[in-house]
Amino acid sequence: MKSEDEDPPRRPSFEIGQPLDLLSVAEIDARIAALKYEIARLENGRAAKVAASATAETFFRK
């Protein structure tokens, strides 16, 4: 998995659900890379929020 420090794939110029029949293999690969990057970014953001919430809960319980 890539780290956040690496350059993200270019911002996609597509919408979820568009037909794929007119795309090349390279274009499909580019979409997959962009979506994987976005999934990793979302998972990292979620993990950070969960950790911050747990830290706050621990702090305010004392």
N, C-alpha and C. Protein backbone atom coordinates (compact mmCIF):
# COMPACT_ATOMS: atom_id res chain seq x y z
N MET A 1 0.85 -1.18 0.00
CA MET A 1 0.00 0.00 0.00
C MET A 1 0.89 1.24 0.00
N LYS A 2 0.46 2.28 -0.68
CA LYS A 2 1.23 3.51 -0.77
C LYS A 2 1.05 4.33 0.49
N SER A 3 2.06 5.15 0.78
CA SER A 3 1.94 6.03 1.93
C SER A 3 1.32 7.35 1.48
N GLU A 4 0.87 8.14 2.43
CA GLU A 4 0.26 9.43 2.12
C GLU A 4 1.26 10.40 1.50
N ASP A 5 2.58 10.18 1.70
CA ASP A 5 3.59 11.09 1.19
C ASP A 5 3.79 10.96 -0.31
N GLU A 6 3.39 9.86 -0.89
CA GLU A 6 3.56 9.66 -2.32
C GLU A 6 2.53 10.47 -3.09
N ASP A 7 2.89 10.84 -4.31
CA ASP A 7 1.96 11.60 -5.14
C ASP A 7 0.74 10.77 -5.46
N PRO A 8 -0.44 11.36 -5.26
CA PRO A 8 -1.65 10.62 -5.58
C PRO A 8 -1.83 10.53 -7.08
N PRO A 9 -2.57 9.55 -7.53
CA PRO A 9 -2.90 9.52 -8.96
C PRO A 9 -3.68 10.79 -9.32
N ARG A 10 -3.61 11.18 -10.57
CA ARG A 10 -4.34 12.37 -10.98
C ARG A 10 -5.81 12.23 -10.64
N ARG A 11 -6.43 13.35 -10.37
CA ARG A 11 -7.85 13.36 -10.02
C ARG A 11 -8.66 12.77 -11.18
N PRO A 12 -9.49 11.81 -10.89
CA PRO A 12 -10.22 11.15 -11.98
C PRO A 12 -11.22 12.09 -12.64
N SER A 13 -11.41 11.90 -13.92
CA SER A 13 -12.41 12.68 -14.64
C SER A 13 -13.56 11.75 -15.04
N PHE A 14 -14.02 11.00 -14.06
CA PHE A 14 -15.10 10.05 -14.31
C PHE A 14 -16.03 10.01 -13.11
N GLU A 15 -17.16 9.40 -13.33
CA GLU A 15 -18.13 9.22 -12.26
C GLU A 15 -18.30 7.73 -12.01
N ILE A 16 -18.59 7.39 -10.78
CA ILE A 16 -18.87 6.01 -10.42
C ILE A 16 -20.07 5.55 -11.23
N GLY A 17 -19.96 4.37 -11.82
CA GLY A 17 -21.07 3.79 -12.54
C GLY A 17 -21.09 4.05 -14.04
N GLN A 18 -20.12 4.80 -14.55
CA GLN A 18 -20.07 5.04 -16.00
C GLN A 18 -19.81 3.73 -16.73
N PRO A 19 -20.31 3.60 -17.95
CA PRO A 19 -20.05 2.38 -18.73
C PRO A 19 -18.54 2.22 -18.99
N LEU A 20 -18.08 0.99 -18.96
CA LEU A 20 -16.66 0.71 -19.14
C LEU A 20 -16.31 0.19 -20.52
N ASP A 21 -17.30 -0.07 -21.34
CA ASP A 21 -17.05 -0.73 -22.62
C ASP A 21 -16.21 0.10 -23.59
N LEU A 22 -16.17 1.40 -23.46
CA LEU A 22 -15.38 2.23 -24.36
C LEU A 22 -14.00 2.58 -23.82
N LEU A 23 -13.66 2.06 -22.63
CA LEU A 23 -12.37 2.38 -22.01
C LEU A 23 -11.30 1.36 -22.40
N SER A 24 -10.07 1.85 -22.46
CA SER A 24 -8.94 0.95 -22.70
C SER A 24 -8.55 0.29 -21.38
N VAL A 25 -7.71 -0.71 -21.48
CA VAL A 25 -7.21 -1.38 -20.27
C VAL A 25 -6.43 -0.38 -19.43
N ALA A 26 -5.65 0.49 -20.07
CA ALA A 26 -4.87 1.49 -19.34
C ALA A 26 -5.78 2.46 -18.59
N GLU A 27 -6.88 2.85 -19.21
CA GLU A 27 -7.81 3.75 -18.55
C GLU A 27 -8.49 3.07 -17.36
N ILE A 28 -8.82 1.82 -17.51
CA ILE A 28 -9.41 1.07 -16.39
C ILE A 28 -8.39 0.93 -15.27
N ASP A 29 -7.14 0.63 -15.62
CA ASP A 29 -6.08 0.54 -14.61
C ASP A 29 -5.90 1.86 -13.86
N ALA A 30 -5.98 2.98 -14.59
CA ALA A 30 -5.84 4.30 -13.96
C ALA A 30 -6.99 4.55 -12.98
N ARG A 31 -8.19 4.15 -13.36
CA ARG A 31 -9.33 4.31 -12.46
C ARG A 31 -9.17 3.46 -11.21
N ILE A 32 -8.71 2.24 -11.39
CA ILE A 32 -8.49 1.34 -10.25
C ILE A 32 -7.47 1.95 -9.30
N ALA A 33 -6.36 2.47 -9.85
CA ALA A 33 -5.32 3.09 -9.02
C ALA A 33 -5.87 4.28 -8.25
N ALA A 34 -6.65 5.12 -8.92
CA ALA A 34 -7.23 6.29 -8.26
C ALA A 34 -8.18 5.88 -7.14
N LEU A 35 -8.98 4.87 -7.38
CA LEU A 35 -9.93 4.41 -6.36
C LEU A 35 -9.22 3.75 -5.19
N LYS A 36 -8.17 2.98 -5.46
CA LYS A 36 -7.40 2.37 -4.37
C LYS A 36 -6.75 3.44 -3.51
N TYR A 37 -6.21 4.47 -4.14
CA TYR A 37 -5.61 5.58 -3.40
C TYR A 37 -6.66 6.24 -2.51
N GLU A 38 -7.84 6.49 -3.06
CA GLU A 38 -8.89 7.14 -2.30
C GLU A 38 -9.36 6.26 -1.14
N ILE A 39 -9.46 4.97 -1.36
CA ILE A 39 -9.84 4.05 -0.28
C ILE A 39 -8.81 4.10 0.85
N ALA A 40 -7.54 4.06 0.50
CA ALA A 40 -6.48 4.12 1.51
C ALA A 40 -6.53 5.45 2.27
N ARG A 41 -6.78 6.54 1.55
CA ARG A 41 -6.88 7.85 2.19
C ARG A 41 -8.06 7.89 3.16
N LEU A 42 -9.18 7.33 2.77
CA LEU A 42 -10.35 7.29 3.64
C LEU A 42 -10.11 6.42 4.86
N GLU A 43 -9.48 5.26 4.66
CA GLU A 43 -9.19 4.37 5.79
C GLU A 43 -8.25 5.03 6.78
N ASN A 44 -7.24 5.74 6.28
CA ASN A 44 -6.31 6.43 7.17
C ASN A 44 -7.01 7.56 7.93
N GLY A 45 -7.86 8.29 7.24
CA GLY A 45 -8.62 9.36 7.90
C GLY A 45 -9.56 8.82 8.97
N ARG A 46 -10.20 7.71 8.66
CA ARG A 46 -11.10 7.08 9.64
C ARG A 46 -10.32 6.61 10.85
N ALA A 47 -9.18 5.97 10.62
CA ALA A 47 -8.36 5.47 11.73
C ALA A 47 -7.90 6.62 12.63
N ALA A 48 -7.54 7.74 12.02
CA ALA A 48 -7.12 8.90 12.80
C ALA A 48 -8.27 9.44 13.65
N LYS A 49 -9.47 9.48 13.10
CA LYS A 49 -10.62 9.96 13.86
C LYS A 49 -10.99 9.01 15.00
N VAL A 50 -10.90 7.71 14.74
CA VAL A 50 -11.18 6.73 15.80
C VAL A 50 -10.17 6.87 16.93
N ALA A 51 -8.90 7.03 16.57
CA ALA A 51 -7.85 7.18 17.59
C ALA A 51 -8.05 8.47 18.39
N ALA A 52 -8.38 9.56 17.72
CA ALA A 52 -8.60 10.83 18.41
C ALA A 52 -9.81 10.73 19.34
N SER A 53 -10.84 10.07 18.89
CA SER A 53 -12.04 9.90 19.71
C SER A 53 -11.74 9.06 20.95
N ALA A 54 -10.96 8.00 20.77
CA ALA A 54 -10.61 7.14 21.90
C ALA A 54 -9.75 7.90 22.90
N THR A 55 -8.83 8.71 22.39
CA THR A 55 -7.96 9.51 23.27
C THR A 55 -8.79 10.52 24.05
N ALA A 56 -9.71 11.19 23.39
CA ALA A 56 -10.56 12.17 24.06
C ALA A 56 -11.44 11.49 25.11
N GLU A 57 -11.99 10.35 24.76
CA GLU A 57 -12.84 9.63 25.71
C GLU A 57 -12.04 9.24 26.96
N THR A 58 -10.84 8.76 26.77
CA THR A 58 -9.98 8.37 27.88
C THR A 58 -9.65 9.58 28.75
N PHE A 59 -9.32 10.69 28.11
CA PHE A 59 -8.95 11.91 28.81
C PHE A 59 -10.10 12.44 29.66
N PHE A 60 -11.30 12.47 29.10
CA PHE A 60 -12.44 13.06 29.80
C PHE A 60 -13.08 12.12 30.81
N ARG A 61 -12.71 10.84 30.82
CA ARG A 61 -13.24 9.92 31.82
C ARG A 61 -12.54 10.07 33.16
N LYS A 62 -11.35 10.61 33.16
CA LYS A 62 -10.57 10.72 34.40
C LYS A 62 -11.15 11.71 35.34
